[in-house]
PDB file of N, CA and C in Angstrom:
ATOM      1  N   MET A   1      40.209  -2.938  21.870  1.00  0.00           N
ATOM      2  CA  MET A   1      40.600  -3.489  20.585  1.00  0.00           C
ATOM      3  C   MET A   1      41.961  -4.170  20.723  1.00  0.00           C
ATOM      4  N   VAL A   2      42.086  -5.324  20.109  1.00  0.00           N
ATOM      5  CA  VAL A   2      43.342  -6.075  20.128  1.00  0.00           C
ATOM      6  C   VAL A   2      43.887  -6.152  18.702  1.00  0.00           C
ATOM      7  N   LEU A   3      45.149  -5.788  18.537  1.00  0.00           N
ATOM      8  CA  LEU A   3      45.837  -5.968  17.264  1.00  0.00           C
ATOM      9  C   LEU A   3      46.751  -7.175  17.406  1.00  0.00           C
ATOM     10  N   ARG A   4      46.690  -8.099  16.451  1.00  0.00           N
ATOM     11  CA  ARG A   4      47.496  -9.327  16.501  1.00  0.00           C
ATOM     12  C   ARG A   4      48.616  -9.237  15.477  1.00  0.00           C
ATOM     13  N   PHE A   5      49.792  -9.732  15.854  1.00  0.00           N
ATOM     14  CA  PHE A   5      50.956  -9.677  14.982  1.00  0.00           C
ATOM     15  C   PHE A   5      51.639 -11.034  14.927  1.00  0.00           C
ATOM     16  N   GLY A   6      51.971 -11.474  13.729  1.00  0.00           N
ATOM     17  CA  GLY A   6      52.775 -12.669  13.511  1.00  0.00           C
ATOM     18  C   GLY A   6      54.020 -12.265  12.748  1.00  0.00           C
ATOM     19  N   GLN A   7      55.151 -12.806  13.168  1.00  0.00           N
ATOM     20  CA  GLN A   7      56.418 -12.467  12.535  1.00  0.00           C
ATOM     21  C   GLN A   7      57.267 -13.719  12.408  1.00  0.00           C
ATOM     22  N   VAL A   8      58.169 -13.719  11.432  1.00  0.00           N
ATOM     23  CA  VAL A   8      59.048 -14.869  11.228  1.00  0.00           C
ATOM     24  C   VAL A   8      60.481 -14.378  11.044  1.00  0.00           C
ATOM     25  N   LEU A   9      61.424 -15.213  11.492  1.00  0.00           N
ATOM     26  CA  LEU A   9      62.837 -14.869  11.495  1.00  0.00           C
ATOM     27  C   LEU A   9      63.636 -16.160  11.537  1.00  0.00           C
ATOM     28  N   GLY A  10      64.792 -16.168  10.930  1.00  0.00           N
ATOM     29  CA  GLY A  10      65.671 -17.327  11.036  1.00  0.00           C
ATOM     30  C   GLY A  10      66.476 -17.286  12.320  1.00  0.00           C
ATOM     31  N   VAL A  11      66.945 -18.451  12.736  1.00  0.00           N
ATOM     32  CA  VAL A  11      67.829 -18.544  13.900  1.00  0.00           C
ATOM     33  C   VAL A  11      69.017 -19.422  13.513  1.00  0.00           C
ATOM     34  N   ARG A  12      70.204 -19.015  13.913  1.00  0.00           N
ATOM     35  CA  ARG A  12      71.407 -19.790  13.599  1.00  0.00           C
ATOM     36  C   ARG A  12      71.377 -21.099  14.388  1.00  0.00           C
ATOM     37  N   PRO A  13      71.457 -22.233  13.704  1.00  0.00           N
ATOM     38  CA  PRO A  13      71.350 -23.523  14.403  1.00  0.00           C
ATOM     39  C   PRO A  13      72.363 -23.679  15.533  1.00  0.00           C
ATOM     40  N   GLU A  14      73.576 -23.192  15.313  1.00  0.00           N
ATOM     41  CA  GLU A  14      74.620 -23.326  16.332  1.00  0.00           C
ATOM     42  C   GLU A  14      74.394 -22.418  17.538  1.00  0.00           C
ATOM     43  N   ARG A  15      73.436 -21.488  17.447  1.00  0.00           N
ATOM     44  CA  ARG A  15      73.136 -20.569  18.547  1.00  0.00           C
ATOM     45  C   ARG A  15      71.766 -20.812  19.161  1.00  0.00           C
ATOM     46  N   PHE A  16      71.023 -21.797  18.613  1.00  0.00           N
ATOM     47  CA  PHE A  16      69.651 -21.982  19.086  1.00  0.00           C
ATOM     48  C   PHE A  16      69.579 -22.363  20.557  1.00  0.00           C
ATOM     49  N   ALA A  17      70.477 -23.206  21.048  1.00  0.00           N
ATOM     50  CA  ALA A  17      70.448 -23.584  22.471  1.00  0.00           C
ATOM     51  C   ALA A  17      70.612 -22.350  23.354  1.00  0.00           C
ATOM     52  N   GLU A  18      71.499 -21.458  22.974  1.00  0.00           N
ATOM     53  CA  GLU A  18      71.692 -20.211  23.731  1.00  0.00           C
ATOM     54  C   GLU A  18      70.435 -19.342  23.659  1.00  0.00           C
ATOM     55  N   TYR A  19      69.827 -19.269  22.493  1.00  0.00           N
ATOM     56  CA  TYR A  19      68.598 -18.486  22.309  1.00  0.00           C
ATOM     57  C   TYR A  19      67.485 -19.029  23.211  1.00  0.00           C
ATOM     58  N   ARG A  20      67.343 -20.337  23.225  1.00  0.00           N
ATOM     59  CA  ARG A  20      66.313 -20.968  24.069  1.00  0.00           C
ATOM     60  C   ARG A  20      66.579 -20.688  25.545  1.00  0.00           C
ATOM     61  N   THR A  21      67.829 -20.828  25.970  1.00  0.00           N
ATOM     62  CA  THR A  21      68.193 -20.586  27.368  1.00  0.00           C
ATOM     63  C   THR A  21      67.903 -19.135  27.758  1.00  0.00           C
ATOM     64  N   ALA A  22      68.254 -18.201  26.883  1.00  0.00           N
ATOM     65  CA  ALA A  22      68.000 -16.787  27.177  1.00  0.00           C
ATOM     66  C   ALA A  22      66.512 -16.527  27.362  1.00  0.00           C
ATOM     67  N   HIS A  23      65.680 -17.152  26.541  1.00  0.00           N
ATOM     68  CA  HIS A  23      64.240 -16.913  26.625  1.00  0.00           C
ATOM     69  C   HIS A  23      63.569 -17.687  27.761  1.00  0.00           C
ATOM     70  N   ALA A  24      64.289 -18.588  28.365  1.00  0.00           N
ATOM     71  CA  ALA A  24      63.771 -19.259  29.564  1.00  0.00           C
ATOM     72  C   ALA A  24      63.919 -18.358  30.790  1.00  0.00           C
ATOM     73  N   ALA A  25      64.723 -17.307  30.667  1.00  0.00           N
ATOM     74  CA  ALA A  25      64.954 -16.386  31.780  1.00  0.00           C
ATOM     75  C   ALA A  25      65.100 -14.954  31.242  1.00  0.00           C
ATOM     76  N   VAL A  26      64.059 -14.478  30.569  1.00  0.00           N
ATOM     77  CA  VAL A  26      64.084 -13.121  30.021  1.00  0.00           C
ATOM     78  C   VAL A  26      64.241 -12.130  31.172  1.00  0.00           C
ATOM     79  N   TRP A  27      65.081 -11.132  30.960  1.00  0.00           N
ATOM     80  CA  TRP A  27      65.313 -10.137  32.000  1.00  0.00           C
ATOM     81  C   TRP A  27      63.993  -9.485  32.416  1.00  0.00           C
ATOM     82  N   PRO A  28      63.773  -9.323  33.709  1.00  0.00           N
ATOM     83  CA  PRO A  28      62.508  -8.737  34.181  1.00  0.00           C
ATOM     84  C   PRO A  28      62.207  -7.369  33.569  1.00  0.00           C
ATOM     85  N   GLU A  29      63.232  -6.549  33.344  1.00  0.00           N
ATOM     86  CA  GLU A  29      63.003  -5.226  32.769  1.00  0.00           C
ATOM     87  C   GLU A  29      62.428  -5.326  31.356  1.00  0.00           C
ATOM     88  N   ILE A  30      62.799  -6.374  30.625  1.00  0.00           N
ATOM     89  CA  ILE A  30      62.280  -6.563  29.274  1.00  0.00           C
ATOM     90  C   ILE A  30      60.791  -6.914  29.343  1.00  0.00           C
ATOM     91  N   LEU A  31      60.453  -7.828  30.228  1.00  0.00           N
ATOM     92  CA  LEU A  31      59.049  -8.220  30.381  1.00  0.00           C
ATOM     93  C   LEU A  31      58.196  -7.032  30.834  1.00  0.00           C
ATOM     94  N   GLU A  32      58.724  -6.244  31.759  1.00  0.00           N
ATOM     95  CA  GLU A  32      57.993  -5.063  32.232  1.00  0.00           C
ATOM     96  C   GLU A  32      57.807  -4.049  31.108  1.00  0.00           C
ATOM     97  N   ALA A  33      58.847  -3.845  30.294  1.00  0.00           N
ATOM     98  CA  ALA A  33      58.758  -2.891  29.185  1.00  0.00           C
ATOM     99  C   ALA A  33      57.748  -3.345  28.144  1.00  0.00           C
ATOM    100  N   LEU A  34      57.724  -4.638  27.851  1.00  0.00           N
ATOM    101  CA  LEU A  34      56.737  -5.169  26.902  1.00  0.00           C
ATOM    102  C   LEU A  34      55.323  -4.925  27.416  1.00  0.00           C
ATOM    103  N   SER A  35      55.098  -5.241  28.680  1.00  0.00           N
ATOM    104  CA  SER A  35      53.764  -5.030  29.263  1.00  0.00           C
ATOM    105  C   SER A  35      53.380  -3.559  29.247  1.00  0.00           C
ATOM    106  N   ALA A  36      54.319  -2.678  29.616  1.00  0.00           N
ATOM    107  CA  ALA A  36      54.036  -1.235  29.638  1.00  0.00           C
ATOM    108  C   ALA A  36      53.715  -0.711  28.240  1.00  0.00           C
ATOM    109  N   ALA A  37      54.285  -1.334  27.210  1.00  0.00           N
ATOM    110  CA  ALA A  37      54.021  -0.923  25.826  1.00  0.00           C
ATOM    111  C   ALA A  37      52.689  -1.447  25.304  1.00  0.00           C
ATOM    112  N   GLY A  38      52.022  -2.307  26.067  1.00  0.00           N
ATOM    113  CA  GLY A  38      50.735  -2.855  25.635  1.00  0.00           C
ATOM    114  C   GLY A  38      50.851  -4.199  24.947  1.00  0.00           C
ATOM    115  N   ILE A  39      52.007  -4.853  25.057  1.00  0.00           N
ATOM    116  CA  ILE A  39      52.221  -6.160  24.434  1.00  0.00           C
ATOM    117  C   ILE A  39      51.757  -7.249  25.403  1.00  0.00           C
ATOM    118  N   ARG A  40      50.906  -8.121  24.909  1.00  0.00           N
ATOM    119  CA  ARG A  40      50.383  -9.237  25.709  1.00  0.00           C
ATOM    120  C   ARG A  40      50.450 -10.508  24.871  1.00  0.00           C
ATOM    121  N   ASN A  41      50.331 -11.628  25.552  1.00  0.00           N
ATOM    122  CA  ASN A  41      50.217 -12.924  24.877  1.00  0.00           C
ATOM    123  C   ASN A  41      51.334 -13.112  23.853  1.00  0.00           C
ATOM    124  N   TYR A  42      52.566 -12.788  24.262  1.00  0.00           N
ATOM    125  CA  TYR A  42      53.724 -12.869  23.371  1.00  0.00           C
ATOM    126  C   TYR A  42      54.313 -14.266  23.458  1.00  0.00           C
ATOM    127  N   SER A  43      54.430 -14.915  22.319  1.00  0.00           N
ATOM    128  CA  SER A  43      55.003 -16.251  22.232  1.00  0.00           C
ATOM    129  C   SER A  43      55.975 -16.310  21.073  1.00  0.00           C
ATOM    130  N   ILE A  44      57.032 -17.113  21.229  1.00  0.00           N
ATOM    131  CA  ILE A  44      57.949 -17.397  20.129  1.00  0.00           C
ATOM    132  C   ILE A  44      58.022 -18.907  19.993  1.00  0.00           C
ATOM    133  N   PHE A  45      57.823 -19.399  18.782  1.00  0.00           N
ATOM    134  CA  PHE A  45      57.876 -20.820  18.474  1.00  0.00           C
ATOM    135  C   PHE A  45      59.060 -21.082  17.553  1.00  0.00           C
ATOM    136  N   HIS A  46      59.539 -22.318  17.550  1.00  0.00           N
ATOM    137  CA  HIS A  46      60.662 -22.697  16.687  1.00  0.00           C
ATOM    138  C   HIS A  46      60.313 -23.932  15.881  1.00  0.00           C
ATOM    139  N   PHE A  47      60.726 -23.920  14.621  1.00  0.00           N
ATOM    140  CA  PHE A  47      60.624 -25.101  13.773  1.00  0.00           C
ATOM    141  C   PHE A  47      61.639 -24.972  12.652  1.00  0.00           C
ATOM    142  N   GLY A  48      62.480 -25.974  12.526  1.00  0.00           N
ATOM    143  CA  GLY A  48      63.385 -26.065  11.384  1.00  0.00           C
ATOM    144  C   GLY A  48      64.235 -24.836  11.121  1.00  0.00           C
ATOM    145  N   GLY A  49      64.778 -24.236  12.156  1.00  0.00           N
ATOM    146  CA  GLY A  49      65.631 -23.071  11.972  1.00  0.00           C
ATOM    147  C   GLY A  49      64.899 -21.759  11.805  1.00  0.00           C
ATOM    148  N   ARG A  50      63.581 -21.798  11.980  1.00  0.00           N
ATOM    149  CA  ARG A  50      62.771 -20.583  11.885  1.00  0.00           C
ATOM    150  C   ARG A  50      62.113 -20.303  13.227  1.00  0.00           C
ATOM    151  N   LEU A  51      62.015 -19.023  13.537  1.00  0.00           N
ATOM    152  CA  LEU A  51      61.282 -18.571  14.711  1.00  0.00           C
ATOM    153  C   LEU A  51      59.990 -17.920  14.239  1.00  0.00           C
ATOM    154  N   PHE A  52      58.902 -18.232  14.900  1.00  0.00           N
ATOM    155  CA  PHE A  52      57.625 -17.591  14.646  1.00  0.00           C
ATOM    156  C   PHE A  52      57.238 -16.872  15.924  1.00  0.00           C
ATOM    157  N   GLY A  53      57.076 -15.563  15.835  1.00  0.00           N
ATOM    158  CA  GLY A  53      56.658 -14.770  16.986  1.00  0.00           C
ATOM    159  C   GLY A  53      55.220 -14.324  16.818  1.00  0.00           C
ATOM    160  N   TYR A  54      54.485 -14.352  17.914  1.00  0.00           N
ATOM    161  CA  TYR A  54      53.095 -13.892  17.923  1.00  0.00           C
ATOM    162  C   TYR A  54      52.900 -13.030  19.161  1.00  0.00           C
ATOM    163  N   TYR A  55      52.259 -11.884  18.981  1.00  0.00           N
ATOM    164  CA  TYR A  55      51.887 -11.078  20.141  1.00  0.00           C
ATOM    165  C   TYR A  55      50.642 -10.273  19.822  1.00  0.00           C
ATOM    166  N   GLU A  56      50.043  -9.795  20.886  1.00  0.00           N
ATOM    167  CA  GLU A  56      48.867  -8.949  20.782  1.00  0.00           C
ATOM    168  C   GLU A  56      49.179  -7.595  21.403  1.00  0.00           C
ATOM    169  N   TYR A  57      48.731  -6.556  20.746  1.00  0.00           N
ATOM    170  CA  TYR A  57      48.855  -5.194  21.261  1.00  0.00           C
ATOM    171  C   TYR A  57      47.471  -4.772  21.735  1.00  0.00           C
ATOM    172  N   VAL A  58      47.395  -4.308  22.992  1.00  0.00           N
ATOM    173  CA  VAL A  58      46.097  -3.981  23.581  1.00  0.00           C
ATOM    174  C   VAL A  58      45.929  -2.497  23.907  1.00  0.00           C
ATOM    175  N   GLY A  59      46.838  -1.670  23.436  1.00  0.00           N
ATOM    176  CA  GLY A  59      46.702  -0.232  23.666  1.00  0.00           C
ATOM    177  C   GLY A  59      45.902   0.432  22.560  1.00  0.00           C
ATOM    178  N   PRO A  60      45.794   1.748  22.635  1.00  0.00           N
ATOM    179  CA  PRO A  60      45.091   2.485  21.585  1.00  0.00           C
ATOM    180  C   PRO A  60      45.793   2.287  20.232  1.00  0.00           C
ATOM    181  N   PRO A  61      45.057   1.939  19.193  1.00  0.00           N
ATOM    182  CA  PRO A  61      45.676   1.683  17.887  1.00  0.00           C
ATOM    183  C   PRO A  61      46.544   2.834  17.373  1.00  0.00           C
ATOM    184  N   ASP A  62      46.108   4.059  17.623  1.00  0.00           N
ATOM    185  CA  ASP A  62      46.865   5.206  17.130  1.00  0.00           C
ATOM    186  C   ASP A  62      48.159   5.454  17.905  1.00  0.00           C
ATOM    187  N   GLU A  63      48.381   4.726  18.997  1.00  0.00           N
ATOM    188  CA  GLU A  63      49.610   4.862  19.790  1.00  0.00           C
ATOM    189  C   GLU A  63      50.606   3.727  19.530  1.00  0.00           C
ATOM    190  N   TYR A  64      50.224   2.752  18.709  1.00  0.00           N
ATOM    191  CA  TYR A  64      51.082   1.580  18.509  1.00  0.00           C
ATOM    192  C   TYR A  64      52.494   1.963  18.032  1.00  0.00           C
ATOM    193  N   ALA A  65      52.594   2.731  16.974  1.00  0.00           N
ATOM    194  CA  ALA A  65      53.909   3.083  16.422  1.00  0.00           C
ATOM    195  C   ALA A  65      54.755   3.823  17.448  1.00  0.00           C
ATOM    196  N   LYS A  66      54.157   4.763  18.147  1.00  0.00           N
ATOM    197  CA  LYS A  66      54.880   5.529  19.167  1.00  0.00           C
ATOM    198  C   LYS A  66      55.373   4.614  20.284  1.00  0.00           C
ATOM    199  N   ARG A  67      54.526   3.722  20.740  1.00  0.00           N
ATOM    200  CA  ARG A  67      54.920   2.818  21.823  1.00  0.00           C
ATOM    201  C   ARG A  67      56.036   1.872  21.387  1.00  0.00           C
ATOM    202  N   MET A  68      55.998   1.428  20.136  1.00  0.00           N
ATOM    203  CA  MET A  68      57.066   0.542  19.657  1.00  0.00           C
ATOM    204  C   MET A  68      58.381   1.308  19.530  1.00  0.00           C
ATOM    205  N   GLN A  69      58.311   2.574  19.140  1.00  0.00           N
ATOM    206  CA  GLN A  69      59.517   3.404  19.080  1.00  0.00           C
ATOM    207  C   GLN A  69      60.102   3.615  20.474  1.00  0.00           C
ATOM    208  N   GLU A  70      59.251   3.866  21.452  1.00  0.00           N
ATOM    209  CA  GLU A  70      59.714   4.037  22.826  1.00  0.00           C
ATOM    210  C   GLU A  70      60.338   2.749  23.346  1.00  0.00           C
ATOM    211  N   LEU A  71      59.711   1.627  23.037  1.00  0.00           N
ATOM    212  CA  LEU A  71      60.254   0.329  23.447  1.00  0.00           C
ATOM    213  C   LEU A  71      61.632   0.117  22.833  1.00  0.00           C
ATOM    214  N   ALA A  72      61.766   0.395  21.545  1.00  0.00           N
ATOM    215  CA  ALA A  72      63.042   0.227  20.855  1.00  0.00           C
ATOM    216  C   ALA A  72      64.100   1.184  21.390  1.00  0.00           C
ATOM    217  N   GLY A  73      63.689   2.324  21.926  1.00  0.00           N
ATOM    218  CA  GLY A  73      64.628   3.303  22.455  1.00  0.00           C
ATOM    219  C   GLY A  73      65.100   3.036  23.864  1.00  0.00           C
ATOM    220  N   SER A  74      64.539   2.032  24.507  1.00  0.00           N
ATOM    221  CA  SER A  74      64.939   1.699  25.874  1.00  0.00           C
ATOM    222  C   SER A  74      66.352   1.104  25.882  1.00  0.00           C
ATOM    223  N   PRO A  75      67.260   1.640  26.692  1.00  0.00           N
ATOM    224  CA  PRO A  75      68.626   1.096  26.723  1.00  0.00           C
ATOM    225  C   PRO A  75      68.676  -0.396  27.068  1.00  0.00           C
ATOM    226  N   ARG A  76      67.835  -0.830  27.993  1.00  0.00           N
ATOM    227  CA  ARG A  76      67.852  -2.255  28.370  1.00  0.00           C
ATOM    228  C   ARG A  76      67.348  -3.118  27.219  1.00  0.00           C
ATOM    229  N   MET A  77      66.342  -2.653  26.470  1.00  0.00           N
ATOM    230  CA  MET A  77      65.859  -3.403  25.312  1.00  0.00           C
ATOM    231  C   MET A  77      66.963  -3.481  24.254  1.00  0.00           C
ATOM    232  N   ARG A  78      67.689  -2.379  24.060  1.00  0.00           N
ATOM    233  CA  ARG A  78      68.785  -2.395  23.082  1.00  0.00           C
ATOM    234  C   ARG A  78      69.854  -3.406  23.500  1.00  0.00           C
ATOM    235  N   GLN A  79      70.137  -3.513  24.797  1.00  0.00           N
ATOM    236  CA  GLN A  79      71.090  -4.520  25.281  1.00  0.00           C
ATOM    237  C   GLN A  79      70.595  -5.924  24.958  1.00  0.00           C
ATOM    238  N   TRP A  80      69.315  -6.186  25.172  1.00  0.00           N
ATOM    239  CA  TRP A  80      68.731  -7.494  24.882  1.00  0.00           C
ATOM    240  C   TRP A  80      68.853  -7.799  23.388  1.00  0.00           C
ATOM    241  N   TRP A  81      68.466  -6.834  22.562  1.00  0.00           N
ATOM    242  CA  TRP A  81      68.537  -7.035  21.116  1.00  0.00           C
ATOM    243  C   TRP A  81      69.980  -7.224  20.647  1.00  0.00           C
ATOM    244  N   ASP A  82      70.915  -6.492  21.245  1.00  0.00           N
ATOM    245  CA  ASP A  82      72.335  -6.662  20.878  1.00  0.00           C
ATOM    246  C   ASP A  82      72.813  -8.075  21.185  1.00  0.00           C
ATOM    247  N   TRP A  83      72.256  -8.696  22.192  1.00  0.00           N
ATOM    248  CA  TRP A  83      72.585 -10.083  22.540  1.00  0.00           C
ATOM    249  C   TRP A  83      71.893 -11.054  21.580  1.00  0.00           C
ATOM    250  N   MET A  84      70.609 -10.782  21.257  1.00  0.00           N
ATOM    251  CA  MET A  84      69.826 -11.709  20.443  1.00  0.00           C
ATOM    252  C   MET A  84      70.174 -11.652  18.949  1.00  0.00           C
ATOM    253  N   GLU A  85      70.403 -10.472  18.418  1.00  0.00           N
ATOM    254  CA  GLU A  85      70.533 -10.314  16.966  1.00  0.00           C
ATOM    255  C   GLU A  85      71.625 -11.178  16.328  1.00  0.00           C
ATOM    256  N   PRO A  86      72.790 -11.381  16.945  1.00  0.00           N
ATOM    257  CA  PRO A  86      73.780 -12.255  16.308  1.00  0.00           C
ATOM    258  C   PRO A  86      73.326 -13.721  16.206  1.00  0.00           C
ATOM    259  N   MET A  87      72.297 -14.086  16.946  1.00  0.00           N
ATOM    260  CA  MET A  87      71.764 -15.447  16.899  1.00  0.00           C
ATOM    261  C   MET A  87      70.725 -15.594  15.797  1.00  0.00           C
ATOM    262  N   GLN A  88      70.283 -14.474  15.237  1.00  0.00           N
ATOM    263  CA  GLN A  88      69.158 -14.455  14.312  1.00  0.00           C
ATOM    264  C   GLN A  88      69.601 -14.207  12.878  1.00  0.00           C
ATOM    265  N   VAL A  89      68.759 -14.634  11.946  1.00  0.00           N
ATOM    266  CA  VAL A  89      69.008 -14.441  10.518  1.00  0.00           C
ATOM    267  C   VAL A  89      67.747 -13.849   9.893  1.00  0.00           C
ATOM    268  N   PRO A  90      67.747 -12.543   9.589  1.00  0.00           N
ATOM    269  CA  PRO A  90      66.572 -11.957   8.932  1.00  0.00           C
ATOM    270  C   PRO A  90      66.326 -12.624   7.578  1.00  0.00           C
ATOM    271  N   LEU A  91      65.073 -12.761   7.214  1.00  0.00           N
ATOM    272  CA  LEU A  91      64.698 -13.458   5.991  1.00  0.00           C
ATOM    273  C   LEU A  91      64.640 -12.528   4.794  1.00  0.00           C
ATOM    274  N   GLU A  92      65.041 -13.053   3.648  1.00  0.00           N
ATOM    275  CA  GLU A  92      64.885 -12.297   2.407  1.00  0.00           C
ATOM    276  C   GLU A  92      63.402 -12.065   2.158  1.00  0.00           C
ATOM    277  N   GLY A  93      63.115 -10.940   1.534  1.00  0.00           N
ATOM    278  CA  GLY A  93      61.730 -10.632   1.217  1.00  0.00           C
ATOM    279  C   GLY A  93      61.024  -9.816   2.276  1.00  0.00           C
ATOM    280  N   ARG A  94      61.671  -9.583   3.403  1.00  0.00           N
ATOM    281  CA  ARG A  94      61.024  -8.767   4.443  1.00  0.00           C
ATOM    282  C   ARG A  94      60.990  -7.312   3.966  1.00  0.00           C
ATOM    283  N   ALA A  95      60.108  -6.537   4.543  1.00  0.00           N
ATOM    284  CA  ALA A  95      59.980  -5.127   4.165  1.00  0.00           C
ATOM    285  C   ALA A  95      61.207  -4.341   4.617  1.00  0.00           C
ATOM    286  N   PRO A  96      61.542  -3.273   3.902  1.00  0.00           N
ATOM    287  CA  PRO A  96      62.663  -2.439   4.324  1.00  0.00           C
ATOM    288  C   PRO A  96      62.482  -1.971   5.771  1.00  0.00           C
ATOM    289  N   GLY A  97      63.539  -2.073   6.550  1.00  0.00           N
ATOM    290  CA  GLY A  97      63.492  -1.654   7.946  1.00  0.00           C
ATOM    291  C   GLY A  97      63.031  -2.721   8.911  1.00  0.00           C
ATOM    292  N   GLU A  98      62.521  -3.847   8.423  1.00  0.00           N
ATOM    293  CA  GLU A  98      62.084  -4.930   9.314  1.00  0.00           C
ATOM    294  C   GLU A  98      63.261  -5.825   9.677  1.00  0.00           C
ATOM    295  N   TRP A  99      63.267  -6.314  10.902  1.00  0.00           N
ATOM    296  CA  TRP A  99      64.195  -7.368  11.308  1.00  0.00           C
ATOM    297  C   TRP A  99      63.423  -8.687  11.257  1.00  0.00           C
ATOM    298  N   TRP A 100      62.372  -8.791  12.047  1.00  0.00           N
ATOM    299  CA  TRP A 100      61.425  -9.895  11.943  1.00  0.00           C
ATOM    300  C   TRP A 100      60.528  -9.565  10.750  1.00  0.00           C
ATOM    301  N   ALA A 101      60.290 -10.519   9.869  1.00  0.00           N
ATOM    302  CA  ALA A 101      59.403 -10.297   8.729  1.00  0.00           C
ATOM    303  C   ALA A 101      57.952 -10.384   9.192  1.00  0.00           C
ATOM    304  N   ALA A 102      57.195  -9.332   8.928  1.00  0.00           N
ATOM    305  CA  ALA A 102      55.783  -9.309   9.312  1.00  0.00           C
ATOM    306  C   ALA A 102      55.002 -10.291   8.437  1.00  0.00           C
ATOM    307  N   MET A 103      54.048 -10.963   9.053  1.00  0.00           N
ATOM    308  CA  MET A 103      53.214 -11.926   8.349  1.00  0.00           C
ATOM    309  C   MET A 103      51.795 -11.361   8.224  1.00  0.00           C
ATOM    310  N   GLU A 104      51.113 -11.758   7.188  1.00  0.00           N
ATOM    311  CA  GLU A 104      49.730 -11.362   6.979  1.00  0.00           C
ATOM    312  C   GLU A 104      48.815 -12.355   7.685  1.00  0.00           C
ATOM    313  N   GLU A 105      47.890 -11.854   8.473  1.00  0.00           N
ATOM    314  CA  GLU A 105      46.908 -12.725   9.104  1.00  0.00           C
ATOM    315  C   GLU A 105      45.861 -13.106   8.055  1.00  0.00           C
ATOM    316  N   VAL A 106      45.662 -14.402   7.855  1.00  0.00           N
ATOM    317  CA  VAL A 106      44.680 -14.857   6.874  1.00  0.00           C
ATOM    318  C   VAL A 106      43.496 -15.565   7.521  1.00  0.00           C
ATOM    319  N   PHE A 107      43.589 -15.855   8.821  1.00  0.00           N
ATOM    320  CA  PHE A 107      42.472 -16.475   9.518  1.00  0.00           C
ATOM    321  C   PHE A 107      42.621 -16.239  11.010  1.00  0.00           C
ATOM    322  N   HIS A 108      41.498 -16.036  11.675  1.00  0.00           N
ATOM    323  CA  HIS A 108      41.480 -15.899  13.146  1.00  0.00           C
ATOM    324  C   HIS A 108      40.135 -16.416  13.651  1.00  0.00           C
ATOM    325  N   HIS A 109      40.172 -17.116  14.766  1.00  0.00           N
ATOM    326  CA  HIS A 109      38.951 -17.585  15.434  1.00  0.00           C
ATOM    327  C   HIS A 109      39.155 -17.492  16.935  1.00  0.00           C
ATOM    328  N   ASP A 110      38.249 -16.826  17.629  1.00  0.00           N
ATOM    329  CA  ASP A 110      38.289 -16.773  19.098  1.00  0.00           C
ATOM    330  C   ASP A 110      37.455 -17.899  19.649  1.00  0.00           C
TER     331      ASP A 110
END
């Protein structure tokens, strides 16, 4: 079973070049941690000061929350997020506790 996720977030225009450069060379430990957590097909797109993230989770559905907590608890992931977060602008209207605003899937076709 594959769970699909779409998220949106603002990016500071004056920091976008740095954000793009960082994502052209994501630290190997981050990529390994994402894969170990069951994250696949992860993409981030940009348009007009907004970032759209898409990823698929391929692990057991009942383990998703636990795996995301473990991922967030990784010291190297926290270092990455500490670098990225000042470049980002969370959007109004997101759910409490969200950084990236979760999007509702309204259509899918394989």
